[in-house]
Amino acid sequence: GIDIKPEVVDPEDIETLSDILVAAVNEAIK
């Protein structure tokens, strides 16, 4: 599962959310 805080969801800045998701998944695997 992935939990995303609502305040981080900005339709104008999907790239930042994507970067945070990638970082979180990579950190979890590590």
PDB file of all heavy atoms in Angstrom:
ATOM      1  N   GLY A   1       0.816  -1.199   0.000  1.00  0.00           N
ATOM      2  CA  GLY A   1       0.000   0.000   0.000  1.00  0.00           C
ATOM      3  C   GLY A   1       0.851   1.251   0.000  1.00  0.00           C
ATOM      4  O   GLY A   1       2.022   1.213   0.365  1.00  0.00           O
ATOM      5  N   ILE A   2       0.239   2.339  -0.430  1.00  0.00           N
ATOM      6  CA  ILE A   2       0.897   3.638  -0.422  1.00  0.00           C
ATOM      7  C   ILE A   2      -0.105   4.645   0.132  1.00  0.00           C
ATOM      8  O   ILE A   2      -1.229   4.744  -0.353  1.00  0.00           O
ATOM      9  CB  ILE A   2       1.347   4.061  -1.838  1.00  0.00           C
ATOM     10  CG1 ILE A   2       2.377   3.063  -2.387  1.00  0.00           C
ATOM     11  CG2 ILE A   2       1.927   5.480  -1.814  1.00  0.00           C
ATOM     12  CD1 ILE A   2       2.823   3.338  -3.807  1.00  0.00           C
ATOM     13  N   ASP A   3       0.320   5.351   1.175  1.00  0.00           N
ATOM     14  CA  ASP A   3      -0.519   6.376   1.788  1.00  0.00           C
ATOM     15  C   ASP A   3       0.055   7.743   1.416  1.00  0.00           C
ATOM     16  O   ASP A   3       1.241   7.993   1.635  1.00  0.00           O
ATOM     17  CB  ASP A   3      -0.537   6.201   3.307  1.00  0.00           C
ATOM     18  CG  ASP A   3      -1.433   7.211   3.978  1.00  0.00           C
ATOM     19  OD1 ASP A   3      -2.586   7.375   3.532  1.00  0.00           O
ATOM     20  OD2 ASP A   3      -0.969   7.863   4.948  1.00  0.00           O
ATOM     21  N   ILE A   4      -0.793   8.583   0.839  1.00  0.00           N
ATOM     22  CA  ILE A   4      -0.355   9.907   0.410  1.00  0.00           C
ATOM     23  C   ILE A   4      -1.160  10.945   1.187  1.00  0.00           C
ATOM     24  O   ILE A   4      -2.392  10.919   1.185  1.00  0.00           O
ATOM     25  CB  ILE A   4      -0.591  10.097  -1.103  1.00  0.00           C
ATOM     26  CG1 ILE A   4       0.135   9.005  -1.892  1.00  0.00           C
ATOM     27  CG2 ILE A   4      -0.152  11.488  -1.546  1.00  0.00           C
ATOM     28  CD1 ILE A   4      -0.254   8.952  -3.356  1.00  0.00           C
ATOM     29  N   LYS A   5      -0.449  11.857   1.846  1.00  0.00           N
ATOM     30  CA  LYS A   5      -1.128  12.937   2.576  1.00  0.00           C
ATOM     31  C   LYS A   5      -1.809  13.860   1.556  1.00  0.00           C
ATOM     32  O   LYS A   5      -1.203  14.229   0.545  1.00  0.00           O
ATOM     33  CB  LYS A   5      -0.117  13.754   3.392  1.00  0.00           C
ATOM     34  CG  LYS A   5       0.639  12.961   4.420  1.00  0.00           C
ATOM     35  CD  LYS A   5      -0.089  12.938   5.717  1.00  0.00           C
ATOM     36  CE  LYS A   5       0.796  12.184   6.695  1.00  0.00           C
ATOM     37  NZ  LYS A   5       0.336  12.044   7.967  1.00  0.00           N
ATOM     38  N   PRO A   6      -3.058  14.214   1.793  1.00  0.00           N
ATOM     39  CA  PRO A   6      -3.805  15.041   0.832  1.00  0.00           C
ATOM     40  C   PRO A   6      -3.112  16.354   0.479  1.00  0.00           C
ATOM     41  O   PRO A   6      -3.168  16.802  -0.671  1.00  0.00           O
ATOM     42  CB  PRO A   6      -5.137  15.307   1.534  1.00  0.00           C
ATOM     43  CG  PRO A   6      -5.256  14.246   2.563  1.00  0.00           C
ATOM     44  CD  PRO A   6      -3.860  13.860   2.952  1.00  0.00           C
ATOM     45  N   GLU A   7      -2.434  16.949   1.441  1.00  0.00           N
ATOM     46  CA  GLU A   7      -1.809  18.253   1.189  1.00  0.00           C
ATOM     47  C   GLU A   7      -0.650  18.186   0.194  1.00  0.00           C
ATOM     48  O   GLU A   7      -0.215  19.209  -0.332  1.00  0.00           O
ATOM     49  CB  GLU A   7      -1.352  18.919   2.498  1.00  0.00           C
ATOM     50  CG  GLU A   7      -0.344  18.119   3.291  1.00  0.00           C
ATOM     51  CD  GLU A   7      -0.958  17.184   4.322  1.00  0.00           C
ATOM     52  OE1 GLU A   7      -2.168  16.908   4.269  1.00  0.00           O
ATOM     53  OE2 GLU A   7      -0.196  16.716   5.183  1.00  0.00           O
ATOM     54  N   VAL A   8      -0.162  16.983  -0.081  1.00  0.00           N
ATOM     55  CA  VAL A   8       0.952  16.844  -1.022  1.00  0.00           C
ATOM     56  C   VAL A   8       0.454  16.663  -2.464  1.00  0.00           C
ATOM     57  O   VAL A   8       1.221  16.786  -3.403  1.00  0.00           O
ATOM     58  CB  VAL A   8       1.875  15.695  -0.578  1.00  0.00           C
ATOM     59  CG1 VAL A   8       1.550  14.396  -1.243  1.00  0.00           C
ATOM     60  CG2 VAL A   8       3.317  16.025  -0.834  1.00  0.00           C
ATOM     61  N   VAL A   9      -0.843  16.429  -2.616  1.00  0.00           N
ATOM     62  CA  VAL A   9      -1.411  16.232  -3.949  1.00  0.00           C
ATOM     63  C   VAL A   9      -1.733  17.604  -4.552  1.00  0.00           C
ATOM     64  O   VAL A   9      -2.673  18.278  -4.140  1.00  0.00           O
ATOM     65  CB  VAL A   9      -2.681  15.349  -3.897  1.00  0.00           C
ATOM     66  CG1 VAL A   9      -3.264  15.173  -5.287  1.00  0.00           C
ATOM     67  CG2 VAL A   9      -2.363  14.006  -3.264  1.00  0.00           C
ATOM     68  N   ASP A  10      -0.933  17.988  -5.516  1.00  0.00           N
ATOM     69  CA  ASP A  10      -1.114  19.261  -6.212  1.00  0.00           C
ATOM     70  C   ASP A  10      -1.204  18.960  -7.707  1.00  0.00           C
ATOM     71  O   ASP A  10      -0.212  18.553  -8.316  1.00  0.00           O
ATOM     72  CB  ASP A  10       0.069  20.184  -5.918  1.00  0.00           C
ATOM     73  CG  ASP A  10      -0.021  21.520  -6.621  1.00  0.00           C
ATOM     74  OD1 ASP A  10      -0.989  21.754  -7.371  1.00  0.00           O
ATOM     75  OD2 ASP A  10       0.905  22.335  -6.427  1.00  0.00           O
ATOM     76  N   PRO A  11      -2.377  19.122  -8.293  1.00  0.00           N
ATOM     77  CA  PRO A  11      -2.532  18.823  -9.725  1.00  0.00           C
ATOM     78  C   PRO A  11      -1.565  19.596 -10.603  1.00  0.00           C
ATOM     79  O   PRO A  11      -1.246  19.180 -11.712  1.00  0.00           O
ATOM     80  CB  PRO A  11      -3.968  19.216 -10.039  1.00  0.00           C
ATOM     81  CG  PRO A  11      -4.644  19.406  -8.742  1.00  0.00           C
ATOM     82  CD  PRO A  11      -3.595  19.621  -7.702  1.00  0.00           C
ATOM     83  N   GLU A  12      -1.066  20.713 -10.107  1.00  0.00           N
ATOM     84  CA  GLU A  12      -0.109  21.521 -10.873  1.00  0.00           C
ATOM     85  C   GLU A  12       1.325  21.011 -10.730  1.00  0.00           C
ATOM     86  O   GLU A  12       2.214  21.472 -11.437  1.00  0.00           O
ATOM     87  CB  GLU A  12      -0.179  22.990 -10.402  1.00  0.00           C
ATOM     88  CG  GLU A  12      -1.549  23.619 -10.509  1.00  0.00           C
ATOM     89  CD  GLU A  12      -2.020  23.728 -11.951  1.00  0.00           C
ATOM     90  OE1 GLU A  12      -1.203  24.056 -12.822  1.00  0.00           O
ATOM     91  OE2 GLU A  12      -3.226  23.463 -12.194  1.00  0.00           O
ATOM     92  N   ASP A  13       1.552  20.087  -9.783  1.00  0.00           N
ATOM     93  CA  ASP A  13       2.923  19.620  -9.528  1.00  0.00           C
ATOM     94  C   ASP A  13       2.943  18.103  -9.319  1.00  0.00           C
ATOM     95  O   ASP A  13       3.341  17.607  -8.262  1.00  0.00           O
ATOM     96  CB  ASP A  13       3.503  20.341  -8.306  1.00  0.00           C
ATOM     97  CG  ASP A  13       4.988  20.069  -8.118  1.00  0.00           C
ATOM     98  OD1 ASP A  13       5.625  19.539  -9.054  1.00  0.00           O
ATOM     99  OD2 ASP A  13       5.506  20.381  -7.034  1.00  0.00           O
ATOM    100  N   ILE A  14       2.530  17.376 -10.308  1.00  0.00           N
ATOM    101  CA  ILE A  14       2.526  15.909 -10.258  1.00  0.00           C
ATOM    102  C   ILE A  14       3.953  15.369 -10.193  1.00  0.00           C
ATOM    103  O   ILE A  14       4.214  14.330  -9.596  1.00  0.00           O
ATOM    104  CB  ILE A  14       1.777  15.333 -11.486  1.00  0.00           C
ATOM    105  CG1 ILE A  14       0.324  15.786 -11.477  1.00  0.00           C
ATOM    106  CG2 ILE A  14       1.880  13.815 -11.547  1.00  0.00           C
ATOM    107  CD1 ILE A  14      -0.463  15.339 -10.273  1.00  0.00           C
ATOM    108  N   GLU A  15       4.897  16.077 -10.767  1.00  0.00           N
ATOM    109  CA  GLU A  15       6.293  15.629 -10.804  1.00  0.00           C
ATOM    110  C   GLU A  15       6.867  15.458  -9.393  1.00  0.00           C
ATOM    111  O   GLU A  15       7.550  14.467  -9.108  1.00  0.00           O
ATOM    112  CB  GLU A  15       7.145  16.623 -11.596  1.00  0.00           C
ATOM    113  CG  GLU A  15       8.563  16.136 -11.812  1.00  0.00           C
ATOM    114  CD  GLU A  15       9.361  17.090 -12.686  1.00  0.00           C
ATOM    115  OE1 GLU A  15       8.772  17.813 -13.511  1.00  0.00           O
ATOM    116  OE2 GLU A  15      10.588  17.091 -12.529  1.00  0.00           O
ATOM    117  N   THR A  16       6.575  16.377  -8.498  1.00  0.00           N
ATOM    118  CA  THR A  16       7.073  16.262  -7.125  1.00  0.00           C
ATOM    119  C   THR A  16       6.473  15.042  -6.438  1.00  0.00           C
ATOM    120  O   THR A  16       7.187  14.293  -5.770  1.00  0.00           O
ATOM    121  CB  THR A  16       6.756  17.536  -6.322  1.00  0.00           C
ATOM    122  OG1 THR A  16       7.433  18.638  -6.930  1.00  0.00           O
ATOM    123  CG2 THR A  16       7.199  17.402  -4.875  1.00  0.00           C
ATOM    124  N   LEU A  17       5.190  14.825  -6.600  1.00  0.00           N
ATOM    125  CA  LEU A  17       4.545  13.647  -6.009  1.00  0.00           C
ATOM    126  C   LEU A  17       5.164  12.368  -6.563  1.00  0.00           C
ATOM    127  O   LEU A  17       5.458  11.440  -5.816  1.00  0.00           O
ATOM    128  CB  LEU A  17       3.041  13.670  -6.276  1.00  0.00           C
ATOM    129  CG  LEU A  17       2.254  12.461  -5.759  1.00  0.00           C
ATOM    130  CD1 LEU A  17       2.447  12.291  -4.250  1.00  0.00           C
ATOM    131  CD2 LEU A  17       0.781  12.618  -6.105  1.00  0.00           C
ATOM    132  N   SER A  18       5.394  12.340  -7.850  1.00  0.00           N
ATOM    133  CA  SER A  18       6.019  11.181  -8.482  1.00  0.00           C
ATOM    134  C   SER A  18       7.408  10.926  -7.896  1.00  0.00           C
ATOM    135  O   SER A  18       7.769   9.784  -7.590  1.00  0.00           O
ATOM    136  CB  SER A  18       6.105  11.400  -9.991  1.00  0.00           C
ATOM    137  OG  SER A  18       6.739  10.314 -10.607  1.00  0.00           O
ATOM    138  N   ASP A  19       8.191  11.985  -7.725  1.00  0.00           N
ATOM    139  CA  ASP A  19       9.540  11.854  -7.157  1.00  0.00           C
ATOM    140  C   ASP A  19       9.493  11.320  -5.724  1.00  0.00           C
ATOM    141  O   ASP A  19      10.304  10.479  -5.339  1.00  0.00           O
ATOM    142  CB  ASP A  19      10.263  13.206  -7.173  1.00  0.00           C
ATOM    143  CG  ASP A  19      10.641  13.666  -8.570  1.00  0.00           C
ATOM    144  OD1 ASP A  19      10.615  12.830  -9.505  1.00  0.00           O
ATOM    145  OD2 ASP A  19      10.953  14.864  -8.727  1.00  0.00           O
ATOM    146  N   ILE A  20       8.532  11.804  -4.951  1.00  0.00           N
ATOM    147  CA  ILE A  20       8.398  11.338  -3.566  1.00  0.00           C
ATOM    148  C   ILE A  20       8.001   9.864  -3.541  1.00  0.00           C
ATOM    149  O   ILE A  20       8.512   9.086  -2.734  1.00  0.00           O
ATOM    150  CB  ILE A  20       7.381  12.203  -2.779  1.00  0.00           C
ATOM    151  CG1 ILE A  20       7.920  13.632  -2.614  1.00  0.00           C
ATOM    152  CG2 ILE A  20       7.106  11.595  -1.407  1.00  0.00           C
ATOM    153  CD1 ILE A  20       6.899  14.613  -2.061  1.00  0.00           C
ATOM    154  N   LEU A  21       7.092   9.458  -4.424  1.00  0.00           N
ATOM    155  CA  LEU A  21       6.687   8.046  -4.496  1.00  0.00           C
ATOM    156  C   LEU A  21       7.870   7.149  -4.844  1.00  0.00           C
ATOM    157  O   LEU A  21       8.078   6.106  -4.227  1.00  0.00           O
ATOM    158  CB  LEU A  21       5.565   7.863  -5.516  1.00  0.00           C
ATOM    159  CG  LEU A  21       4.195   8.367  -5.104  1.00  0.00           C
ATOM    160  CD1 LEU A  21       3.251   8.377  -6.298  1.00  0.00           C
ATOM    161  CD2 LEU A  21       3.633   7.537  -3.974  1.00  0.00           C
ATOM    162  N   VAL A  22       8.642   7.548  -5.834  1.00  0.00           N
ATOM    163  CA  VAL A  22       9.817   6.761  -6.230  1.00  0.00           C
ATOM    164  C   VAL A  22      10.799   6.668  -5.058  1.00  0.00           C
ATOM    165  O   VAL A  22      11.313   5.580  -4.753  1.00  0.00           O
ATOM    166  CB  VAL A  22      10.491   7.377  -7.474  1.00  0.00           C
ATOM    167  CG1 VAL A  22      11.854   6.749  -7.731  1.00  0.00           C
ATOM    168  CG2 VAL A  22       9.595   7.212  -8.698  1.00  0.00           C
ATOM    169  N   ALA A  23      11.050   7.766  -4.386  1.00  0.00           N
ATOM    170  CA  ALA A  23      11.968   7.764  -3.248  1.00  0.00           C
ATOM    171  C   ALA A  23      11.466   6.845  -2.138  1.00  0.00           C
ATOM    172  O   ALA A  23      12.252   6.090  -1.536  1.00  0.00           O
ATOM    173  CB  ALA A  23      12.159   9.184  -2.710  1.00  0.00           C
ATOM    174  N   ALA A  24      10.178   6.888  -1.873  1.00  0.00           N
ATOM    175  CA  ALA A  24       9.606   6.063  -0.805  1.00  0.00           C
ATOM    176  C   ALA A  24       9.715   4.576  -1.139  1.00  0.00           C
ATOM    177  O   ALA A  24      10.107   3.766  -0.294  1.00  0.00           O
ATOM    178  CB  ALA A  24       8.145   6.442  -0.568  1.00  0.00           C
ATOM    179  N   VAL A  25       9.384   4.206  -2.367  1.00  0.00           N
ATOM    180  CA  VAL A  25       9.459   2.788  -2.762  1.00  0.00           C
ATOM    181  C   VAL A  25      10.906   2.313  -2.743  1.00  0.00           C
ATOM    182  O   VAL A  25      11.210   1.227  -2.233  1.00  0.00           O
ATOM    183  CB  VAL A  25       8.808   2.562  -4.148  1.00  0.00           C
ATOM    184  CG1 VAL A  25       9.089   1.163  -4.661  1.00  0.00           C
ATOM    185  CG2 VAL A  25       7.304   2.808  -4.066  1.00  0.00           C
ATOM    186  N   ASN A  26      11.823   3.125  -3.272  1.00  0.00           N
ATOM    187  CA  ASN A  26      13.232   2.732  -3.266  1.00  0.00           C
ATOM    188  C   ASN A  26      13.782   2.593  -1.844  1.00  0.00           C
ATOM    189  O   ASN A  26      14.544   1.664  -1.550  1.00  0.00           O
ATOM    190  CB  ASN A  26      14.075   3.723  -4.070  1.00  0.00           C
ATOM    191  CG  ASN A  26      13.881   3.566  -5.553  1.00  0.00           C
ATOM    192  OD1 ASN A  26      13.514   2.501  -6.044  1.00  0.00           O
ATOM    193  ND2 ASN A  26      14.123   4.632  -6.296  1.00  0.00           N
ATOM    194  N   GLU A  27      13.397   3.494  -0.966  1.00  0.00           N
ATOM    195  CA  GLU A  27      13.844   3.407   0.429  1.00  0.00           C
ATOM    196  C   GLU A  27      13.279   2.162   1.101  1.00  0.00           C
ATOM    197  O   GLU A  27      13.963   1.491   1.874  1.00  0.00           O
ATOM    198  CB  GLU A  27      13.443   4.665   1.198  1.00  0.00           C
ATOM    199  CG  GLU A  27      13.949   4.700   2.624  1.00  0.00           C
ATOM    200  CD  GLU A  27      15.474   4.675   2.749  1.00  0.00           C
ATOM    201  OE1 GLU A  27      16.167   5.167   1.852  1.00  0.00           O
ATOM    202  OE2 GLU A  27      15.965   4.139   3.765  1.00  0.00           O
ATOM    203  N   ALA A  28      12.029   1.836   0.804  1.00  0.00           N
ATOM    204  CA  ALA A  28      11.406   0.639   1.375  1.00  0.00           C
ATOM    205  C   ALA A  28      12.145  -0.616   0.918  1.00  0.00           C
ATOM    206  O   ALA A  28      12.455  -1.502   1.730  1.00  0.00           O
ATOM    207  CB  ALA A  28       9.936   0.563   0.975  1.00  0.00           C
ATOM    208  N   ILE A  29      12.449  -0.709  -0.357  1.00  0.00           N
ATOM    209  CA  ILE A  29      13.178  -1.876  -0.890  1.00  0.00           C
ATOM    210  C   ILE A  29      14.558  -1.974  -0.253  1.00  0.00           C
ATOM    211  O   ILE A  29      14.989  -3.058   0.158  1.00  0.00           O
ATOM    212  CB  ILE A  29      13.268  -1.790  -2.424  1.00  0.00           C
ATOM    213  CG1 ILE A  29      11.876  -1.994  -3.045  1.00  0.00           C
ATOM    214  CG2 ILE A  29      14.271  -2.810  -2.976  1.00  0.00           C
ATOM    215  CD1 ILE A  29      11.807  -1.686  -4.524  1.00  0.00           C
ATOM    216  N   LYS A  30      15.241  -0.845  -0.155  1.00  0.00           N
ATOM    217  CA  LYS A  30      16.582  -0.830   0.452  1.00  0.00           C
ATOM    218  C   LYS A  30      16.529  -1.308   1.902  1.00  0.00           C
ATOM    219  O   LYS A  30      17.358  -2.112   2.333  1.00  0.00           O
ATOM    220  CB  LYS A  30      17.154   0.591   0.375  1.00  0.00           C
ATOM    221  CG  LYS A  30      18.535   0.727   0.951  1.00  0.00           C
ATOM    222  CD  LYS A  30      19.026   2.173   0.823  1.00  0.00           C
ATOM    223  CE  LYS A  30      20.352   2.365   1.528  1.00  0.00           C
ATOM    224  NZ  LYS A  30      20.770   3.776   1.494  1.00  0.00           N
TER     225      LYS A  30
END
